[in-house]
Amino acid sequence: MDTAQDFVSTDGSPLALYLAIPAGTAPTIVHDAVPAGSSILELGSGPGRLTRVLVAYGHPVTAVDDSQEMLDHVTGARRVRADLHEIDLGETFDVVLGASHLINQPDPAARAALLRVCRQHVAGDGVVLLERYPRDWAANARDAENEAGPVRLTLEAGEYAGGVRSAAMTYRLGTRSWRQEFTATDVGDDQLTAEAAAAGLAFDGVLDDAGTWVRLRPQD
């Protein structure tokens, strides 16, 4: 089997797809929000789509993913295979990064575990940076099409019930296509403030007009 062509992670993420999708603006947003050379713990790195750019910006990165097949493609960074909800490295970092809408998981226990890991690993004067869906995305999602580099994305917005949106994204890359089903919930500023506080983190504003990137700081 050609791993790069055929491997799909447990959450339905195809390796070949995430090797093809460009990093976009995310690494620059992160880099601009923190001091030069800040150490970064990247939770859910995948094959290093963001990692490579952050390393090129001069950040020492520790990339965490639960898939060895994904981590095998990460370059320039320390690689750790682990469940991001349970990891305990026994050290802290200037920045803990949770991209890819990890905070929009519908399960409150999963969000709480993510925030606890963030608090455990962020330095006392460090920051936690989380990417979430735009405000009210889950409530208002509609079918849509978009492009990310060579990849065509088609969103099917399914049922919205109990604050949870069921949806599916179809990705097309050349002659290949993948369909990935997922669920998401909105996590607004007030809710995130409360959930972060329960983990010992303080909400410290957003980094972009859409409110998709948020900053948290450790609190006593």
C-alpha atoms as a PDB file:
ATOM      1  CA  MET A   1       0.000   0.000   0.000  1.00  0.00           C
ATOM      2  CA  ASP A   2       1.193   3.531  -0.831  1.00  0.00           C
ATOM      3  CA  THR A   3       0.637   5.157   2.560  1.00  0.00           C
ATOM      4  CA  ALA A   4       0.626   8.729   1.262  1.00  0.00           C
ATOM      5  CA  GLN A   5      -2.095   7.827  -1.225  1.00  0.00           C
ATOM      6  CA  ASP A   6      -4.300   5.549   0.837  1.00  0.00           C
ATOM      7  CA  PHE A   7      -3.979   6.239   4.568  1.00  0.00           C
ATOM      8  CA  VAL A   8      -6.989   7.741   6.366  1.00  0.00           C
ATOM      9  CA  SER A   9      -6.746   8.620  10.065  1.00  0.00           C
ATOM     10  CA  THR A  10      -9.246   7.531  12.689  1.00  0.00           C
ATOM     11  CA  ASP A  11     -11.106  10.857  12.434  1.00  0.00           C
ATOM     12  CA  GLY A  12     -11.498  10.419   8.676  1.00  0.00           C
ATOM     13  CA  SER A  13      -8.676  12.723   7.567  1.00  0.00           C
ATOM     14  CA  PRO A  14      -7.004  11.466   4.354  1.00  0.00           C
ATOM     15  CA  LEU A  15      -3.229  11.843   4.416  1.00  0.00           C
ATOM     16  CA  ALA A  16      -2.898  12.574   0.693  1.00  0.00           C
ATOM     17  CA  LEU A  17      -5.412  15.388   1.041  1.00  0.00           C
ATOM     18  CA  TYR A  18      -3.670  17.103   3.940  1.00  0.00           C
ATOM     19  CA  LEU A  19      -0.348  16.845   2.156  1.00  0.00           C
ATOM     20  CA  ALA A  20      -1.916  18.810  -0.716  1.00  0.00           C
ATOM     21  CA  ILE A  21      -3.931  21.503   1.089  1.00  0.00           C
ATOM     22  CA  PRO A  22      -1.863  24.668   1.633  1.00  0.00           C
ATOM     23  CA  ALA A  23      -1.322  26.071   5.113  1.00  0.00           C
ATOM     24  CA  GLY A  24      -3.172  29.277   4.313  1.00  0.00           C
ATOM     25  CA  THR A  25      -3.034  32.221   6.703  1.00  0.00           C
ATOM     26  CA  ALA A  26      -3.030  30.239   9.968  1.00  0.00           C
ATOM     27  CA  PRO A  27       0.755  30.079  10.543  1.00  0.00           C
ATOM     28  CA  THR A  28       1.122  33.801   9.888  1.00  0.00           C
ATOM     29  CA  ILE A  29      -1.688  34.636  12.319  1.00  0.00           C
ATOM     30  CA  VAL A  30       0.022  32.531  14.974  1.00  0.00           C
ATOM     31  CA  HIS A  31       3.487  33.918  14.248  1.00  0.00           C
ATOM     32  CA  ASP A  32       2.282  37.530  14.368  1.00  0.00           C
ATOM     33  CA  ALA A  33       0.540  36.945  17.717  1.00  0.00           C
ATOM     34  CA  VAL A  34       3.591  35.701  19.644  1.00  0.00           C
ATOM     35  CA  PRO A  35       7.205  36.769  20.236  1.00  0.00           C
ATOM     36  CA  ALA A  36       9.811  35.703  17.713  1.00  0.00           C
ATOM     37  CA  GLY A  37      11.249  32.270  18.385  1.00  0.00           C
ATOM     38  CA  SER A  38       8.485  31.223  20.784  1.00  0.00           C
ATOM     39  CA  SER A  39       8.349  27.489  21.437  1.00  0.00           C
ATOM     40  CA  ILE A  40       5.108  25.944  20.192  1.00  0.00           C
ATOM     41  CA  LEU A  41       3.248  22.794  21.203  1.00  0.00           C
ATOM     42  CA  GLU A  42       1.016  21.987  18.235  1.00  0.00           C
ATOM     43  CA  LEU A  43      -1.893  19.716  19.131  1.00  0.00           C
ATOM     44  CA  GLY A  44      -3.263  17.679  16.241  1.00  0.00           C
ATOM     45  CA  SER A  45      -0.504  18.512  13.778  1.00  0.00           C
ATOM     46  CA  GLY A  46      -1.447  15.975  11.135  1.00  0.00           C
ATOM     47  CA  PRO A  47       1.326  15.672   8.521  1.00  0.00           C
ATOM     48  CA  GLY A  48       2.716  19.111   9.354  1.00  0.00           C
ATOM     49  CA  ARG A  49       0.740  21.441   7.103  1.00  0.00           C
ATOM     50  CA  LEU A  50       1.126  24.321   9.583  1.00  0.00           C
ATOM     51  CA  THR A  51       4.225  22.936  11.271  1.00  0.00           C
ATOM     52  CA  ARG A  52       6.527  23.456   8.308  1.00  0.00           C
ATOM     53  CA  VAL A  53       5.645  27.137   8.024  1.00  0.00           C
ATOM     54  CA  LEU A  54       5.962  27.762  11.768  1.00  0.00           C
ATOM     55  CA  VAL A  55       9.407  26.129  11.737  1.00  0.00           C
ATOM     56  CA  ALA A  56      10.382  28.293   8.763  1.00  0.00           C
ATOM     57  CA  TYR A  57       9.329  31.329  10.817  1.00  0.00           C
ATOM     58  CA  GLY A  58      11.896  30.292  13.419  1.00  0.00           C
ATOM     59  CA  HIS A  59       9.717  28.588  16.020  1.00  0.00           C
ATOM     60  CA  PRO A  60      10.818  25.342  17.670  1.00  0.00           C
ATOM     61  CA  VAL A  61       7.718  23.163  17.326  1.00  0.00           C
ATOM     62  CA  THR A  62       6.668  19.996  19.108  1.00  0.00           C
ATOM     63  CA  ALA A  63       4.064  18.338  16.882  1.00  0.00           C
ATOM     64  CA  VAL A  64       1.533  16.011  18.515  1.00  0.00           C
ATOM     65  CA  ASP A  65      -0.741  13.636  16.640  1.00  0.00           C
ATOM     66  CA  ASP A  66      -2.260  10.243  17.392  1.00  0.00           C
ATOM     67  CA  SER A  67      -1.301   8.911  13.960  1.00  0.00           C
ATOM     68  CA  GLN A  68       2.243   7.770  13.273  1.00  0.00           C
ATOM     69  CA  GLU A  69       1.479   7.786   9.549  1.00  0.00           C
ATOM     70  CA  MET A  70       0.690  11.499   9.781  1.00  0.00           C
ATOM     71  CA  LEU A  71       3.720  12.265  11.950  1.00  0.00           C
ATOM     72  CA  ASP A  72       6.041  10.499   9.524  1.00  0.00           C
ATOM     73  CA  HIS A  73       5.547  13.448   7.164  1.00  0.00           C
ATOM     74  CA  VAL A  74       6.312  16.153   9.749  1.00  0.00           C
ATOM     75  CA  THR A  75       9.726  17.712   9.129  1.00  0.00           C
ATOM     76  CA  GLY A  76      11.846  20.117  11.135  1.00  0.00           C
ATOM     77  CA  ALA A  77       9.975  19.548  14.387  1.00  0.00           C
ATOM     78  CA  ARG A  78      10.002  17.234  17.378  1.00  0.00           C
ATOM     79  CA  ARG A  79       7.331  14.588  16.846  1.00  0.00           C
ATOM     80  CA  VAL A  80       5.201  13.016  19.582  1.00  0.00           C
ATOM     81  CA  ARG A  81       2.588  10.360  18.976  1.00  0.00           C
ATOM     82  CA  ALA A  82      -0.114  10.734  21.613  1.00  0.00           C
ATOM     83  CA  ASP A  83      -3.785  11.396  22.232  1.00  0.00           C
ATOM     84  CA  LEU A  84      -3.978  15.189  22.422  1.00  0.00           C
ATOM     85  CA  HIS A  85      -6.677  14.944  25.113  1.00  0.00           C
ATOM     86  CA  GLU A  86      -4.437  12.922  27.433  1.00  0.00           C
ATOM     87  CA  ILE A  87      -0.853  13.939  26.690  1.00  0.00           C
ATOM     88  CA  ASP A  88       1.443  14.878  29.579  1.00  0.00           C
ATOM     89  CA  LEU A  89       4.924  15.883  28.461  1.00  0.00           C
ATOM     90  CA  GLY A  90       6.018  17.210  31.842  1.00  0.00           C
ATOM     91  CA  GLU A  91       7.151  20.508  30.318  1.00  0.00           C
ATOM     92  CA  THR A  92       5.700  23.842  29.261  1.00  0.00           C
ATOM     93  CA  PHE A  93       5.788  25.913  26.085  1.00  0.00           C
ATOM     94  CA  ASP A  94       5.494  29.575  25.164  1.00  0.00           C
ATOM     95  CA  VAL A  95       2.548  28.735  22.930  1.00  0.00           C
ATOM     96  CA  VAL A  96       0.047  25.888  22.912  1.00  0.00           C
ATOM     97  CA  LEU A  97      -1.685  25.724  19.536  1.00  0.00           C
ATOM     98  CA  GLY A  98      -4.983  24.015  18.804  1.00  0.00           C
ATOM     99  CA  ALA A  99      -5.965  24.592  15.179  1.00  0.00           C
ATOM    100  CA  SER A 100      -8.498  22.748  12.998  1.00  0.00           C
ATOM    101  CA  HIS A 101     -11.510  23.660  15.162  1.00  0.00           C
ATOM    102  CA  LEU A 102     -10.640  21.264  17.973  1.00  0.00           C
ATOM    103  CA  ILE A 103     -12.546  23.494  20.398  1.00  0.00           C
ATOM    104  CA  ASN A 104     -15.770  23.011  18.396  1.00  0.00           C
ATOM    105  CA  GLN A 105     -16.096  19.367  19.433  1.00  0.00           C
ATOM    106  CA  PRO A 106     -19.701  18.807  20.591  1.00  0.00           C
ATOM    107  CA  ASP A 107     -18.627  16.675  23.576  1.00  0.00           C
ATOM    108  CA  PRO A 108     -18.144  18.984  26.594  1.00  0.00           C
ATOM    109  CA  ALA A 109     -15.828  16.429  28.203  1.00  0.00           C
ATOM    110  CA  ALA A 110     -13.570  16.449  25.133  1.00  0.00           C
ATOM    111  CA  ARG A 111     -13.416  20.252  25.162  1.00  0.00           C
ATOM    112  CA  ALA A 112     -12.635  20.228  28.883  1.00  0.00           C
ATOM    113  CA  ALA A 113      -9.848  17.690  28.365  1.00  0.00           C
ATOM    114  CA  LEU A 114      -8.382  19.780  25.540  1.00  0.00           C
ATOM    115  CA  LEU A 115      -8.372  22.900  27.697  1.00  0.00           C
ATOM    116  CA  ARG A 116      -6.806  21.040  30.625  1.00  0.00           C
ATOM    117  CA  VAL A 117      -3.980  19.834  28.374  1.00  0.00           C
ATOM    118  CA  CYS A 118      -3.498  23.385  27.123  1.00  0.00           C
ATOM    119  CA  ARG A 119      -3.284  24.754  30.668  1.00  0.00           C
ATOM    120  CA  GLN A 120      -0.938  21.993  31.761  1.00  0.00           C
ATOM    121  CA  HIS A 121       1.529  22.717  28.973  1.00  0.00           C
ATOM    122  CA  VAL A 122       1.463  26.513  28.645  1.00  0.00           C
ATOM    123  CA  ALA A 123       4.168  28.520  30.404  1.00  0.00           C
ATOM    124  CA  GLY A 124       3.141  30.992  33.080  1.00  0.00           C
ATOM    125  CA  ASP A 125       3.715  33.922  30.730  1.00  0.00           C
ATOM    126  CA  GLY A 126       2.651  32.020  27.614  1.00  0.00           C
ATOM    127  CA  VAL A 127      -0.508  31.878  25.517  1.00  0.00           C
ATOM    128  CA  VAL A 128      -2.940  29.318  24.185  1.00  0.00           C
ATOM    129  CA  LEU A 129      -4.136  29.962  20.626  1.00  0.00           C
ATOM    130  CA  LEU A 130      -7.240  28.129  19.428  1.00  0.00           C
ATOM    131  CA  GLU A 131      -8.921  28.110  16.036  1.00  0.00           C
ATOM    132  CA  ARG A 132     -12.697  27.822  16.017  1.00  0.00           C
ATOM    133  CA  TYR A 133     -15.440  28.158  13.435  1.00  0.00           C
ATOM    134  CA  PRO A 134     -16.745  31.678  12.743  1.00  0.00           C
ATOM    135  CA  ARG A 135     -19.378  32.922  15.169  1.00  0.00           C
ATOM    136  CA  ASP A 136     -22.660  30.981  14.849  1.00  0.00           C
ATOM    137  CA  TRP A 137     -21.245  28.806  12.062  1.00  0.00           C
ATOM    138  CA  ALA A 138     -22.869  25.619  13.315  1.00  0.00           C
ATOM    139  CA  ALA A 139     -26.259  27.269  13.725  1.00  0.00           C
ATOM    140  CA  ASN A 140     -26.218  28.918  10.302  1.00  0.00           C
ATOM    141  CA  ALA A 141     -24.164  26.553   8.101  1.00  0.00           C
ATOM    142  CA  ARG A 142     -25.378  26.116   4.539  1.00  0.00           C
ATOM    143  CA  ASP A 143     -24.223  24.005   1.608  1.00  0.00           C
ATOM    144  CA  ALA A 144     -21.198  25.654   0.013  1.00  0.00           C
ATOM    145  CA  GLU A 145     -18.255  25.145  -2.316  1.00  0.00           C
ATOM    146  CA  ASN A 146     -14.748  26.530  -1.977  1.00  0.00           C
ATOM    147  CA  GLU A 147     -11.166  25.936  -3.050  1.00  0.00           C
ATOM    148  CA  ALA A 148      -7.945  25.485  -1.073  1.00  0.00           C
ATOM    149  CA  GLY A 149      -5.035  25.389  -3.465  1.00  0.00           C
ATOM    150  CA  PRO A 150      -5.559  22.384  -5.758  1.00  0.00           C
ATOM    151  CA  VAL A 151      -8.390  20.992  -3.615  1.00  0.00           C
ATOM    152  CA  ARG A 152     -12.083  21.583  -4.280  1.00  0.00           C
ATOM    153  CA  LEU A 153     -14.239  21.514  -1.132  1.00  0.00           C
ATOM    154  CA  THR A 154     -17.993  20.880  -1.089  1.00  0.00           C
ATOM    155  CA  LEU A 155     -19.827  21.277   2.228  1.00  0.00           C
ATOM    156  CA  GLU A 156     -23.102  19.476   2.871  1.00  0.00           C
ATOM    157  CA  ALA A 157     -24.770  21.059   5.897  1.00  0.00           C
ATOM    158  CA  GLY A 158     -26.906  18.385   7.494  1.00  0.00           C
ATOM    159  CA  GLU A 159     -29.201  18.391  10.510  1.00  0.00           C
ATOM    160  CA  TYR A 160     -28.864  20.987  13.254  1.00  0.00           C
ATOM    161  CA  ALA A 161     -30.280  19.713  16.540  1.00  0.00           C
ATOM    162  CA  GLY A 162     -29.472  20.324  20.181  1.00  0.00           C
ATOM    163  CA  GLY A 163     -26.852  22.888  19.228  1.00  0.00           C
ATOM    164  CA  VAL A 164     -24.924  20.380  17.113  1.00  0.00           C
ATOM    165  CA  ARG A 165     -24.471  20.563  13.351  1.00  0.00           C
ATOM    166  CA  SER A 166     -24.002  17.307  11.456  1.00  0.00           C
ATOM    167  CA  ALA A 167     -22.204  17.905   8.174  1.00  0.00           C
ATOM    168  CA  ALA A 168     -20.011  16.336   5.530  1.00  0.00           C
ATOM    169  CA  MET A 169     -17.186  17.724   3.438  1.00  0.00           C
ATOM    170  CA  THR A 170     -16.268  16.256   0.073  1.00  0.00           C
ATOM    171  CA  TYR A 171     -12.725  16.968  -1.073  1.00  0.00           C
ATOM    172  CA  ARG A 172     -11.656  16.620  -4.699  1.00  0.00           C
ATOM    173  CA  LEU A 173      -8.007  16.508  -5.693  1.00  0.00           C
ATOM    174  CA  GLY A 174      -7.454  15.745  -9.349  1.00  0.00           C
ATOM    175  CA  THR A 175      -9.283  12.497 -10.063  1.00  0.00           C
ATOM    176  CA  ARG A 176      -9.521  11.521  -6.384  1.00  0.00           C
ATOM    177  CA  SER A 177     -12.218  12.413  -3.878  1.00  0.00           C
ATOM    178  CA  TRP A 178     -12.925  11.839  -0.189  1.00  0.00           C
ATOM    179  CA  ARG A 179     -16.054  12.434   1.882  1.00  0.00           C
ATOM    180  CA  GLN A 180     -15.543  13.206   5.563  1.00  0.00           C
ATOM    181  CA  GLU A 181     -18.486  13.418   7.966  1.00  0.00           C
ATOM    182  CA  PHE A 182     -18.205  15.492  11.130  1.00  0.00           C
ATOM    183  CA  THR A 183     -20.160  17.254  13.851  1.00  0.00           C
ATOM    184  CA  ALA A 184     -19.544  20.663  15.381  1.00  0.00           C
ATOM    185  CA  THR A 185     -21.008  23.030  17.923  1.00  0.00           C
ATOM    186  CA  ASP A 186     -20.627  26.778  18.302  1.00  0.00           C
ATOM    187  CA  VAL A 187     -18.423  27.923  21.176  1.00  0.00           C
ATOM    188  CA  GLY A 188     -18.948  31.650  21.624  1.00  0.00           C
ATOM    189  CA  ASP A 189     -16.901  34.068  23.677  1.00  0.00           C
ATOM    190  CA  ASP A 190     -18.995  33.739  26.835  1.00  0.00           C
ATOM    191  CA  GLN A 191     -19.068  29.952  26.712  1.00  0.00           C
ATOM    192  CA  LEU A 192     -15.357  29.728  25.986  1.00  0.00           C
ATOM    193  CA  THR A 193     -14.624  32.155  28.811  1.00  0.00           C
ATOM    194  CA  ALA A 194     -16.475  29.896  31.261  1.00  0.00           C
ATOM    195  CA  GLU A 195     -14.999  26.638  29.976  1.00  0.00           C
ATOM    196  CA  ALA A 196     -11.493  28.090  29.880  1.00  0.00           C
ATOM    197  CA  ALA A 197     -11.828  29.408  33.440  1.00  0.00           C
ATOM    198  CA  ALA A 198     -12.738  25.916  34.636  1.00  0.00           C
ATOM    199  CA  ALA A 199      -9.376  24.768  33.258  1.00  0.00           C
ATOM    200  CA  GLY A 200      -7.415  27.666  34.763  1.00  0.00           C
ATOM    201  CA  LEU A 201      -7.274  29.787  31.613  1.00  0.00           C
ATOM    202  CA  ALA A 202      -8.492  33.325  30.988  1.00  0.00           C
ATOM    203  CA  PHE A 203     -10.084  34.440  27.715  1.00  0.00           C
ATOM    204  CA  ASP A 204      -7.933  37.220  26.248  1.00  0.00           C
ATOM    205  CA  GLY A 205      -9.675  38.253  23.062  1.00  0.00           C
ATOM    206  CA  VAL A 206      -9.670  37.334  19.392  1.00  0.00           C
ATOM    207  CA  LEU A 207      -6.967  37.696  16.763  1.00  0.00           C
ATOM    208  CA  ASP A 208      -9.108  38.308  13.675  1.00  0.00           C
ATOM    209  CA  ASP A 209     -12.324  40.095  12.700  1.00  0.00           C
ATOM    210  CA  ALA A 210     -14.223  36.841  12.201  1.00  0.00           C
ATOM    211  CA  GLY A 211     -13.360  35.719  15.731  1.00  0.00           C
ATOM    212  CA  THR A 212     -11.980  32.418  14.457  1.00  0.00           C
ATOM    213  CA  TRP A 213      -8.699  32.708  16.371  1.00  0.00           C
ATOM    214  CA  VAL A 214      -8.833  33.227  20.127  1.00  0.00           C
ATOM    215  CA  ARG A 215      -6.154  33.792  22.735  1.00  0.00           C
ATOM    216  CA  LEU A 216      -6.207  32.383  26.255  1.00  0.00           C
ATOM    217  CA  ARG A 217      -3.755  33.026  29.068  1.00  0.00           C
ATOM    218  CA  PRO A 218      -3.027  31.027  32.210  1.00  0.00           C
ATOM    219  CA  GLN A 219      -4.612  32.356  35.376  1.00  0.00           C
ATOM    220  CA  ASP A 220      -3.827  31.652  39.006  1.00  0.00           C
END
